[in-house]
Amino acid sequence: MTASSTTYRRRNAAERRLTSNRLLVHAVGEPAGTILGGSAPVIWELLGQGVTTEDDIVAALLVRYSDTEDVIRAGVTAALADLVRADLLEGVP
């Protein structure tokens, strides 16, 4: 399965902006929240706006930032894996 064939879905969560580039996300039913930094808050927001595949997230970030696609994709891949590990998101094939 390629990254582009997976759709990511956010879990129900409360969120609070800590700073302009940090977000606290607390999944419903979980004992503690997770602080998102780097590109993760932007990715979290894009997921909430219906941008749900890795390819679409990369495309949205390419418009926003001046990095190369390879650099952006590496960051998106890592951030999605971190969000899945934190149980804030699930991947649906």
PDB file of N, CA and C in Angstrom:
ATOM      1  N   MET A   1       0.844  -1.174   0.000  1.00  0.00           N
ATOM      2  CA  MET A   1       0.000   0.000   0.000  1.00  0.00           C
ATOM      3  C   MET A   1       0.890   1.238   0.000  1.00  0.00           C
ATOM      4  N   THR A   2       0.660   2.127  -0.941  1.00  0.00           N
ATOM      5  CA  THR A   2       1.426   3.367  -0.988  1.00  0.00           C
ATOM      6  C   THR A   2       0.798   4.379  -0.057  1.00  0.00           C
ATOM      7  N   ALA A   3       1.578   5.396   0.289  1.00  0.00           N
ATOM      8  CA  ALA A   3       1.082   6.419   1.198  1.00  0.00           C
ATOM      9  C   ALA A   3      -0.154   7.104   0.630  1.00  0.00           C
ATOM     10  N   SER A   4      -0.170   7.309  -0.679  1.00  0.00           N
ATOM     11  CA  SER A   4      -1.279   8.041  -1.282  1.00  0.00           C
ATOM     12  C   SER A   4      -2.586   7.261  -1.274  1.00  0.00           C
ATOM     13  N   SER A   5      -2.526   5.944  -1.051  1.00  0.00           N
ATOM     14  CA  SER A   5      -3.760   5.170  -1.034  1.00  0.00           C
ATOM     15  C   SER A   5      -4.391   5.114   0.363  1.00  0.00           C
ATOM     16  N   THR A   6      -3.747   5.675   1.350  1.00  0.00           N
ATOM     17  CA  THR A   6      -4.272   5.699   2.706  1.00  0.00           C
ATOM     18  C   THR A   6      -4.943   7.035   2.967  1.00  0.00           C
ATOM     19  N   THR A   7      -6.136   6.965   3.518  1.00  0.00           N
ATOM     20  CA  THR A   7      -6.851   8.165   3.959  1.00  0.00           C
ATOM     21  C   THR A   7      -6.693   8.247   5.465  1.00  0.00           C
ATOM     22  N   TYR A   8      -6.352   9.410   5.960  1.00  0.00           N
ATOM     23  CA  TYR A   8      -6.170   9.598   7.384  1.00  0.00           C
ATOM     24  C   TYR A   8      -7.382  10.312   7.969  1.00  0.00           C
ATOM     25  N   ARG A   9      -7.793   9.854   9.143  1.00  0.00           N
ATOM     26  CA  ARG A   9      -8.961  10.429   9.804  1.00  0.00           C
ATOM     27  C   ARG A   9      -8.581  10.786  11.240  1.00  0.00           C
ATOM     28  N   ARG A  10      -8.904  12.027  11.625  1.00  0.00           N
ATOM     29  CA  ARG A  10      -8.633  12.468  12.991  1.00  0.00           C
ATOM     30  C   ARG A  10      -9.598  11.806  13.971  1.00  0.00           C
ATOM     31  N   ARG A  11      -9.092  11.492  15.151  1.00  0.00           N
ATOM     32  CA  ARG A  11      -9.967  11.039  16.234  1.00  0.00           C
ATOM     33  C   ARG A  11     -10.642  12.260  16.832  1.00  0.00           C
ATOM     34  N   ASN A  12     -11.766  12.031  17.511  1.00  0.00           N
ATOM     35  CA  ASN A  12     -12.413  13.121  18.226  1.00  0.00           C
ATOM     36  C   ASN A  12     -11.455  13.630  19.288  1.00  0.00           C
ATOM     37  N   ALA A  13     -11.232  14.932  19.284  1.00  0.00           N
ATOM     38  CA  ALA A  13     -10.247  15.494  20.205  1.00  0.00           C
ATOM     39  C   ALA A  13     -10.570  16.949  20.492  1.00  0.00           C
ATOM     40  N   ALA A  14     -10.143  17.369  21.655  1.00  0.00           N
ATOM     41  CA  ALA A  14     -10.185  18.787  22.001  1.00  0.00           C
ATOM     42  C   ALA A  14      -8.814  19.355  21.655  1.00  0.00           C
ATOM     43  N   GLU A  15      -8.782  20.594  21.241  1.00  0.00           N
ATOM     44  CA  GLU A  15      -7.495  21.196  20.908  1.00  0.00           C
ATOM     45  C   GLU A  15      -7.431  22.619  21.440  1.00  0.00           C
ATOM     46  N   ARG A  16      -6.206  23.036  21.738  1.00  0.00           N
ATOM     47  CA  ARG A  16      -5.991  24.394  22.224  1.00  0.00           C
ATOM     48  C   ARG A  16      -4.670  24.899  21.675  1.00  0.00           C
ATOM     49  N   ARG A  17      -4.710  26.057  21.069  1.00  0.00           N
ATOM     50  CA  ARG A  17      -3.507  26.681  20.517  1.00  0.00           C
ATOM     51  C   ARG A  17      -2.659  27.171  21.683  1.00  0.00           C
ATOM     52  N   LEU A  18      -1.404  26.736  21.746  1.00  0.00           N
ATOM     53  CA  LEU A  18      -0.489  27.172  22.799  1.00  0.00           C
ATOM     54  C   LEU A  18       0.317  28.377  22.358  1.00  0.00           C
ATOM     55  N   THR A  19       0.823  28.314  21.139  1.00  0.00           N
ATOM     56  CA  THR A  19       1.551  29.421  20.513  1.00  0.00           C
ATOM     57  C   THR A  19       1.191  29.380  19.038  1.00  0.00           C
ATOM     58  N   SER A  20       1.787  30.262  18.256  1.00  0.00           N
ATOM     59  CA  SER A  20       1.458  30.282  16.827  1.00  0.00           C
ATOM     60  C   SER A  20       1.854  28.997  16.114  1.00  0.00           C
ATOM     61  N   ASN A  21       2.803  28.235  16.671  1.00  0.00           N
ATOM     62  CA  ASN A  21       3.233  27.008  15.990  1.00  0.00           C
ATOM     63  C   ASN A  21       3.191  25.767  16.888  1.00  0.00           C
ATOM     64  N   ARG A  22       2.414  25.831  17.976  1.00  0.00           N
ATOM     65  CA  ARG A  22       2.253  24.669  18.855  1.00  0.00           C
ATOM     66  C   ARG A  22       0.782  24.518  19.231  1.00  0.00           C
ATOM     67  N   LEU A  23       0.328  23.272  19.232  1.00  0.00           N
ATOM     68  CA  LEU A  23      -1.077  22.969  19.474  1.00  0.00           C
ATOM     69  C   LEU A  23      -1.153  21.797  20.457  1.00  0.00           C
ATOM     70  N   LEU A  24      -1.999  21.921  21.473  1.00  0.00           N
ATOM     71  CA  LEU A  24      -2.246  20.822  22.397  1.00  0.00           C
ATOM     72  C   LEU A  24      -3.501  20.104  21.916  1.00  0.00           C
ATOM     73  N   VAL A  25      -3.377  18.801  21.676  1.00  0.00           N
ATOM     74  CA  VAL A  25      -4.506  17.991  21.209  1.00  0.00           C
ATOM     75  C   VAL A  25      -4.728  16.885  22.228  1.00  0.00           C
ATOM     76  N   HIS A  26      -5.974  16.764  22.693  1.00  0.00           N
ATOM     77  CA  HIS A  26      -6.321  15.769  23.698  1.00  0.00           C
ATOM     78  C   HIS A  26      -7.435  14.901  23.124  1.00  0.00           C
ATOM     79  N   ALA A  27      -7.085  13.675  22.759  1.00  0.00           N
ATOM     80  CA  ALA A  27      -8.074  12.739  22.203  1.00  0.00           C
ATOM     81  C   ALA A  27      -9.079  12.357  23.276  1.00  0.00           C
ATOM     82  N   VAL A  28     -10.346  12.304  22.900  1.00  0.00           N
ATOM     83  CA  VAL A  28     -11.411  11.927  23.822  1.00  0.00           C
ATOM     84  C   VAL A  28     -11.118  10.541  24.376  1.00  0.00           C
ATOM     85  N   GLY A  29     -11.191  10.396  25.686  1.00  0.00           N
ATOM     86  CA  GLY A  29     -10.971   9.116  26.327  1.00  0.00           C
ATOM     87  C   GLY A  29      -9.526   8.802  26.665  1.00  0.00           C
ATOM     88  N   GLU A  30      -8.608   9.656  26.273  1.00  0.00           N
ATOM     89  CA  GLU A  30      -7.195   9.435  26.571  1.00  0.00           C
ATOM     90  C   GLU A  30      -6.815  10.215  27.827  1.00  0.00           C
ATOM     91  N   PRO A  31      -5.882   9.682  28.623  1.00  0.00           N
ATOM     92  CA  PRO A  31      -5.540  10.335  29.884  1.00  0.00           C
ATOM     93  C   PRO A  31      -4.724  11.626  29.735  1.00  0.00           C
ATOM     94  N   ALA A  32      -4.026  11.784  28.647  1.00  0.00           N
ATOM     95  CA  ALA A  32      -3.173  12.966  28.489  1.00  0.00           C
ATOM     96  C   ALA A  32      -3.228  13.473  27.053  1.00  0.00           C
ATOM     97  N   GLY A  33      -2.914  14.741  26.908  1.00  0.00           N
ATOM     98  CA  GLY A  33      -2.875  15.341  25.580  1.00  0.00           C
ATOM     99  C   GLY A  33      -1.490  15.229  24.965  1.00  0.00           C
ATOM    100  N   THR A  34      -1.404  15.626  23.723  1.00  0.00           N
ATOM    101  CA  THR A  34      -0.151  15.609  22.974  1.00  0.00           C
ATOM    102  C   THR A  34       0.104  17.008  22.432  1.00  0.00           C
ATOM    103  N   ILE A  35       1.320  17.503  22.616  1.00  0.00           N
ATOM    104  CA  ILE A  35       1.679  18.813  22.064  1.00  0.00           C
ATOM    105  C   ILE A  35       2.239  18.599  20.671  1.00  0.00           C
ATOM    106  N   LEU A  36       1.626  19.252  19.689  1.00  0.00           N
ATOM    107  CA  LEU A  36       2.079  19.162  18.302  1.00  0.00           C
ATOM    108  C   LEU A  36       2.930  20.384  17.996  1.00  0.00           C
ATOM    109  N   GLY A  37       4.078  20.148  17.395  1.00  0.00           N
ATOM    110  CA  GLY A  37       4.963  21.221  16.976  1.00  0.00           C
ATOM    111  C   GLY A  37       5.441  20.960  15.563  1.00  0.00           C
ATOM    112  N   GLY A  38       6.290  21.833  15.064  1.00  0.00           N
ATOM    113  CA  GLY A  38       6.803  21.684  13.705  1.00  0.00           C
ATOM    114  C   GLY A  38       5.672  21.809  12.698  1.00  0.00           C
ATOM    115  N   SER A  39       5.610  20.895  11.746  1.00  0.00           N
ATOM    116  CA  SER A  39       4.555  20.933  10.740  1.00  0.00           C
ATOM    117  C   SER A  39       3.282  20.216  11.190  1.00  0.00           C
ATOM    118  N   ALA A  40       3.330  19.509  12.322  1.00  0.00           N
ATOM    119  CA  ALA A  40       2.179  18.718  12.770  1.00  0.00           C
ATOM    120  C   ALA A  40       0.912  19.552  13.007  1.00  0.00           C
ATOM    121  N   PRO A  41       0.986  20.760  13.604  1.00  0.00           N
ATOM    122  CA  PRO A  41      -0.252  21.533  13.765  1.00  0.00           C
ATOM    123  C   PRO A  41      -0.909  21.896  12.433  1.00  0.00           C
ATOM    124  N   VAL A  42      -0.098  22.219  11.439  1.00  0.00           N
ATOM    125  CA  VAL A  42      -0.638  22.556  10.115  1.00  0.00           C
ATOM    126  C   VAL A  42      -1.264  21.316   9.489  1.00  0.00           C
ATOM    127  N   ILE A  43      -0.600  20.187   9.614  1.00  0.00           N
ATOM    128  CA  ILE A  43      -1.129  18.932   9.076  1.00  0.00           C
ATOM    129  C   ILE A  43      -2.437  18.575   9.790  1.00  0.00           C
ATOM    130  N   TRP A  44      -2.483  18.730  11.114  1.00  0.00           N
ATOM    131  CA  TRP A  44      -3.697  18.470  11.887  1.00  0.00           C
ATOM    132  C   TRP A  44      -4.851  19.332  11.376  1.00  0.00           C
ATOM    133  N   GLU A  45      -4.569  20.617  11.134  1.00  0.00           N
ATOM    134  CA  GLU A  45      -5.602  21.530  10.631  1.00  0.00           C
ATOM    135  C   GLU A  45      -6.057  21.141   9.229  1.00  0.00           C
ATOM    136  N   LEU A  46      -5.122  20.759   8.367  1.00  0.00           N
ATOM    137  CA  LEU A  46      -5.488  20.323   7.022  1.00  0.00           C
ATOM    138  C   LEU A  46      -6.378  19.082   7.072  1.00  0.00           C
ATOM    139  N   LEU A  47      -6.049  18.150   7.949  1.00  0.00           N
ATOM    140  CA  LEU A  47      -6.883  16.951   8.104  1.00  0.00           C
ATOM    141  C   LEU A  47      -8.301  17.330   8.523  1.00  0.00           C
ATOM    142  N   GLY A  48      -8.432  18.335   9.372  1.00  0.00           N
ATOM    143  CA  GLY A  48      -9.746  18.800   9.798  1.00  0.00           C
ATOM    144  C   GLY A  48     -10.522  19.496   8.697  1.00  0.00           C
ATOM    145  N   GLN A  49      -9.801  19.960   7.674  1.00  0.00           N
ATOM    146  CA  GLN A  49     -10.434  20.631   6.539  1.00  0.00           C
ATOM    147  C   GLN A  49     -10.734  19.672   5.394  1.00  0.00           C
ATOM    148  N   GLY A  50     -10.504  18.374   5.627  1.00  0.00           N
ATOM    149  CA  GLY A  50     -10.825  17.387   4.603  1.00  0.00           C
ATOM    150  C   GLY A  50      -9.672  17.011   3.687  1.00  0.00           C
ATOM    151  N   VAL A  51      -8.478  17.504   3.962  1.00  0.00           N
ATOM    152  CA  VAL A  51      -7.286  17.103   3.198  1.00  0.00           C
ATOM    153  C   VAL A  51      -6.769  15.846   3.898  1.00  0.00           C
ATOM    154  N   THR A  52      -7.018  14.670   3.320  1.00  0.00           N
ATOM    155  CA  THR A  52      -6.861  13.437   4.100  1.00  0.00           C
ATOM    156  C   THR A  52      -5.849  12.423   3.583  1.00  0.00           C
ATOM    157  N   THR A  53      -5.193  12.682   2.461  1.00  0.00           N
ATOM    158  CA  THR A  53      -4.171  11.739   1.999  1.00  0.00           C
ATOM    159  C   THR A  53      -2.806  12.409   2.077  1.00  0.00           C
ATOM    160  N   GLU A  54      -1.778  11.597   2.174  1.00  0.00           N
ATOM    161  CA  GLU A  54      -0.419  12.131   2.245  1.00  0.00           C
ATOM    162  C   GLU A  54      -0.119  13.002   1.021  1.00  0.00           C
ATOM    163  N   ASP A  55      -0.483  12.532  -0.167  1.00  0.00           N
ATOM    164  CA  ASP A  55      -0.213  13.305  -1.388  1.00  0.00           C
ATOM    165  C   ASP A  55      -0.905  14.665  -1.359  1.00  0.00           C
ATOM    166  N   ASP A  56      -2.155  14.697  -0.890  1.00  0.00           N
ATOM    167  CA  ASP A  56      -2.885  15.970  -0.839  1.00  0.00           C
ATOM    168  C   ASP A  56      -2.299  16.914   0.211  1.00  0.00           C
ATOM    169  N   ILE A  57      -1.846  16.351   1.335  1.00  0.00           N
ATOM    170  CA  ILE A  57      -1.209  17.177   2.368  1.00  0.00           C
ATOM    171  C   ILE A  57       0.089  17.763   1.828  1.00  0.00           C
ATOM    172  N   VAL A  58       0.886  16.933   1.167  1.00  0.00           N
ATOM    173  CA  VAL A  58       2.142  17.411   0.568  1.00  0.00           C
ATOM    174  C   VAL A  58       1.850  18.524  -0.433  1.00  0.00           C
ATOM    175  N   ALA A  59       0.857  18.330  -1.278  1.00  0.00           N
ATOM    176  CA  ALA A  59       0.510  19.349  -2.285  1.00  0.00           C
ATOM    177  C   ALA A  59       0.115  20.663  -1.612  1.00  0.00           C
ATOM    178  N   ALA A  60      -0.670  20.580  -0.535  1.00  0.00           N
ATOM    179  CA  ALA A  60      -1.086  21.795   0.175  1.00  0.00           C
ATOM    180  C   ALA A  60       0.107  22.509   0.807  1.00  0.00           C
ATOM    181  N   LEU A  61       1.042  21.746   1.327  1.00  0.00           N
ATOM    182  CA  LEU A  61       2.211  22.357   1.969  1.00  0.00           C
ATOM    183  C   LEU A  61       3.197  22.909   0.936  1.00  0.00           C
ATOM    184  N   LEU A  62       3.252  22.312  -0.249  1.00  0.00           N
ATOM    185  CA  LEU A  62       4.119  22.846  -1.309  1.00  0.00           C
ATOM    186  C   LEU A  62       3.695  24.259  -1.702  1.00  0.00           C
ATOM    187  N   VAL A  63       2.406  24.537  -1.650  1.00  0.00           N
ATOM    188  CA  VAL A  63       1.894  25.874  -1.969  1.00  0.00           C
ATOM    189  C   VAL A  63       2.278  26.860  -0.858  1.00  0.00           C
ATOM    190  N   ARG A  64       2.351  26.367   0.346  1.00  0.00           N
ATOM    191  CA  ARG A  64       2.563  27.208   1.525  1.00  0.00           C
ATOM    192  C   ARG A  64       4.033  27.488   1.818  1.00  0.00           C
ATOM    193  N   TYR A  65       4.895  26.505   1.574  1.00  0.00           N
ATOM    194  CA  TYR A  65       6.310  26.598   1.952  1.00  0.00           C
ATOM    195  C   TYR A  65       7.215  26.476   0.730  1.00  0.00           C
ATOM    196  N   SER A  66       8.450  26.927   0.870  1.00  0.00           N
ATOM    197  CA  SER A  66       9.371  26.945  -0.267  1.00  0.00           C
ATOM    198  C   SER A  66      10.315  25.745  -0.310  1.00  0.00           C
ATOM    199  N   ASP A  67      10.125  24.769   0.570  1.00  0.00           N
ATOM    200  CA  ASP A  67      10.977  23.581   0.548  1.00  0.00           C
ATOM    201  C   ASP A  67      10.670  22.709  -0.668  1.00  0.00           C
ATOM    202  N   THR A  68      11.571  21.763  -0.944  1.00  0.00           N
ATOM    203  CA  THR A  68      11.346  20.839  -2.054  1.00  0.00           C
ATOM    204  C   THR A  68      10.291  19.810  -1.663  1.00  0.00           C
ATOM    205  N   GLU A  69       9.749  19.150  -2.655  1.00  0.00           N
ATOM    206  CA  GLU A  69       8.741  18.119  -2.389  1.00  0.00           C
ATOM    207  C   GLU A  69       9.314  17.003  -1.529  1.00  0.00           C
ATOM    208  N   ASP A  70      10.569  16.606  -1.784  1.00  0.00           N
ATOM    209  CA  ASP A  70      11.178  15.535  -0.987  1.00  0.00           C
ATOM    210  C   ASP A  70      11.268  15.908   0.490  1.00  0.00           C
ATOM    211  N   VAL A  71      11.651  17.145   0.775  1.00  0.00           N
ATOM    212  CA  VAL A  71      11.771  17.606   2.159  1.00  0.00           C
ATOM    213  C   VAL A  71      10.395  17.652   2.816  1.00  0.00           C
ATOM    214  N   ILE A  72       9.427  18.208   2.113  1.00  0.00           N
ATOM    215  CA  ILE A  72       8.073  18.296   2.659  1.00  0.00           C
ATOM    216  C   ILE A  72       7.484  16.908   2.867  1.00  0.00           C
ATOM    217  N   ARG A  73       7.654  16.017   1.897  1.00  0.00           N
ATOM    218  CA  ARG A  73       7.104  14.667   2.024  1.00  0.00           C
ATOM    219  C   ARG A  73       7.717  13.939   3.218  1.00  0.00           C
ATOM    220  N   ALA A  74       9.007  14.091   3.425  1.00  0.00           N
ATOM    221  CA  ALA A  74       9.651  13.438   4.572  1.00  0.00           C
ATOM    222  C   ALA A  74       9.041  13.943   5.882  1.00  0.00           C
ATOM    223  N   GLY A  75       8.813  15.242   5.970  1.00  0.00           N
ATOM    224  CA  GLY A  75       8.201  15.803   7.169  1.00  0.00           C
ATOM    225  C   GLY A  75       6.766  15.342   7.366  1.00  0.00           C
ATOM    226  N   VAL A  76       6.006  15.280   6.282  1.00  0.00           N
ATOM    227  CA  VAL A  76       4.613  14.835   6.355  1.00  0.00           C
ATOM    228  C   VAL A  76       4.546  13.369   6.762  1.00  0.00           C
ATOM    229  N   THR A  77       5.382  12.538   6.167  1.00  0.00           N
ATOM    230  CA  THR A  77       5.409  11.118   6.502  1.00  0.00           C
ATOM    231  C   THR A  77       5.719  10.920   7.984  1.00  0.00           C
ATOM    232  N   ALA A  78       6.714  11.635   8.477  1.00  0.00           N
ATOM    233  CA  ALA A  78       7.090  11.524   9.894  1.00  0.00           C
ATOM    234  C   ALA A  78       5.974  12.029  10.801  1.00  0.00           C
ATOM    235  N   ALA A  79       5.377  13.157  10.452  1.00  0.00           N
ATOM    236  CA  ALA A  79       4.311  13.730  11.284  1.00  0.00           C
ATOM    237  C   ALA A  79       3.088  12.811  11.317  1.00  0.00           C
ATOM    238  N   LEU A  80       2.705  12.255  10.180  1.00  0.00           N
ATOM    239  CA  LEU A  80       1.567  11.338  10.154  1.00  0.00           C
ATOM    240  C   LEU A  80       1.845  10.105  11.019  1.00  0.00           C
ATOM    241  N   ALA A  81       3.049   9.574  10.930  1.00  0.00           N
ATOM    242  CA  ALA A  81       3.417   8.414  11.751  1.00  0.00           C
ATOM    243  C   ALA A  81       3.351   8.773  13.235  1.00  0.00           C
ATOM    244  N   ASP A  82       3.829   9.955  13.598  1.00  0.00           N
ATOM    245  CA  ASP A  82       3.774  10.402  14.996  1.00  0.00           C
ATOM    246  C   ASP A  82       2.330  10.550  15.468  1.00  0.00           C
ATOM    247  N   LEU A  83       1.464  11.103  14.628  1.00  0.00           N
ATOM    248  CA  LEU A  83       0.059  11.286  14.988  1.00  0.00           C
ATOM    249  C   LEU A  83      -0.657   9.947  15.146  1.00  0.00           C
ATOM    250  N   VAL A  84      -0.312   8.989  14.304  1.00  0.00           N
ATOM    251  CA  VAL A  84      -0.899   7.650  14.425  1.00  0.00           C
ATOM    252  C   VAL A  84      -0.404   7.004  15.715  1.00  0.00           C
ATOM    253  N   ARG A  85       0.899   7.107  15.996  1.00  0.00           N
ATOM    254  CA  ARG A  85       1.466   6.535  17.223  1.00  0.00           C
ATOM    255  C   ARG A  85       0.850   7.151  18.473  1.00  0.00           C
ATOM    256  N   ALA A  86       0.540   8.447  18.416  1.00  0.00           N
ATOM    257  CA  ALA A  86      -0.081   9.136  19.555  1.00  0.00           C
ATOM    258  C   ALA A  86      -1.575   8.833  19.651  1.00  0.00           C
ATOM    259  N   ASP A  87      -2.076   8.032  18.732  1.00  0.00           N
ATOM    260  CA  ASP A  87      -3.480   7.619  18.683  1.00  0.00           C
ATOM    261  C   ASP A  87      -4.418   8.816  18.449  1.00  0.00           C
ATOM    262  N   LEU A  88      -3.917   9.802  17.701  1.00  0.00           N
ATOM    263  CA  LEU A  88      -4.731  10.961  17.350  1.00  0.00           C
ATOM    264  C   LEU A  88      -5.350  10.803  15.966  1.00  0.00           C
ATOM    265  N   LEU A  89      -4.834   9.868  15.222  1.00  0.00           N
ATOM    266  CA  LEU A  89      -5.291   9.652  13.850  1.00  0.00           C
ATOM    267  C   LEU A  89      -5.288   8.184  13.529  1.00  0.00           C
ATOM    268  N   GLU A  90      -6.093   7.829  12.573  1.00  0.00           N
ATOM    269  CA  GLU A  90      -6.062   6.459  12.079  1.00  0.00           C
ATOM    270  C   GLU A  90      -5.970   6.486  10.563  1.00  0.00           C
ATOM    271  N   GLY A  91      -5.231   5.522  10.045  1.00  0.00           N
ATOM    272  CA  GLY A  91      -5.114   5.380   8.605  1.00  0.00           C
ATOM    273  C   GLY A  91      -6.124   4.369   8.109  1.00  0.00           C
ATOM    274  N   VAL A  92      -6.871   4.731   7.072  1.00  0.00           N
ATOM    275  CA  VAL A  92      -7.893   3.859   6.508  1.00  0.00           C
ATOM    276  C   VAL A  92      -7.508   3.581   5.057  1.00  0.00           C
ATOM    277  N   PRO A  93      -7.199   2.301   4.739  1.00  0.00           N
ATOM    278  CA  PRO A  93      -6.803   1.989   3.356  1.00  0.00           C
ATOM    279  C   PRO A  93      -7.918   2.245   2.355  1.00  0.00           C
TER     280      PRO A  93
END
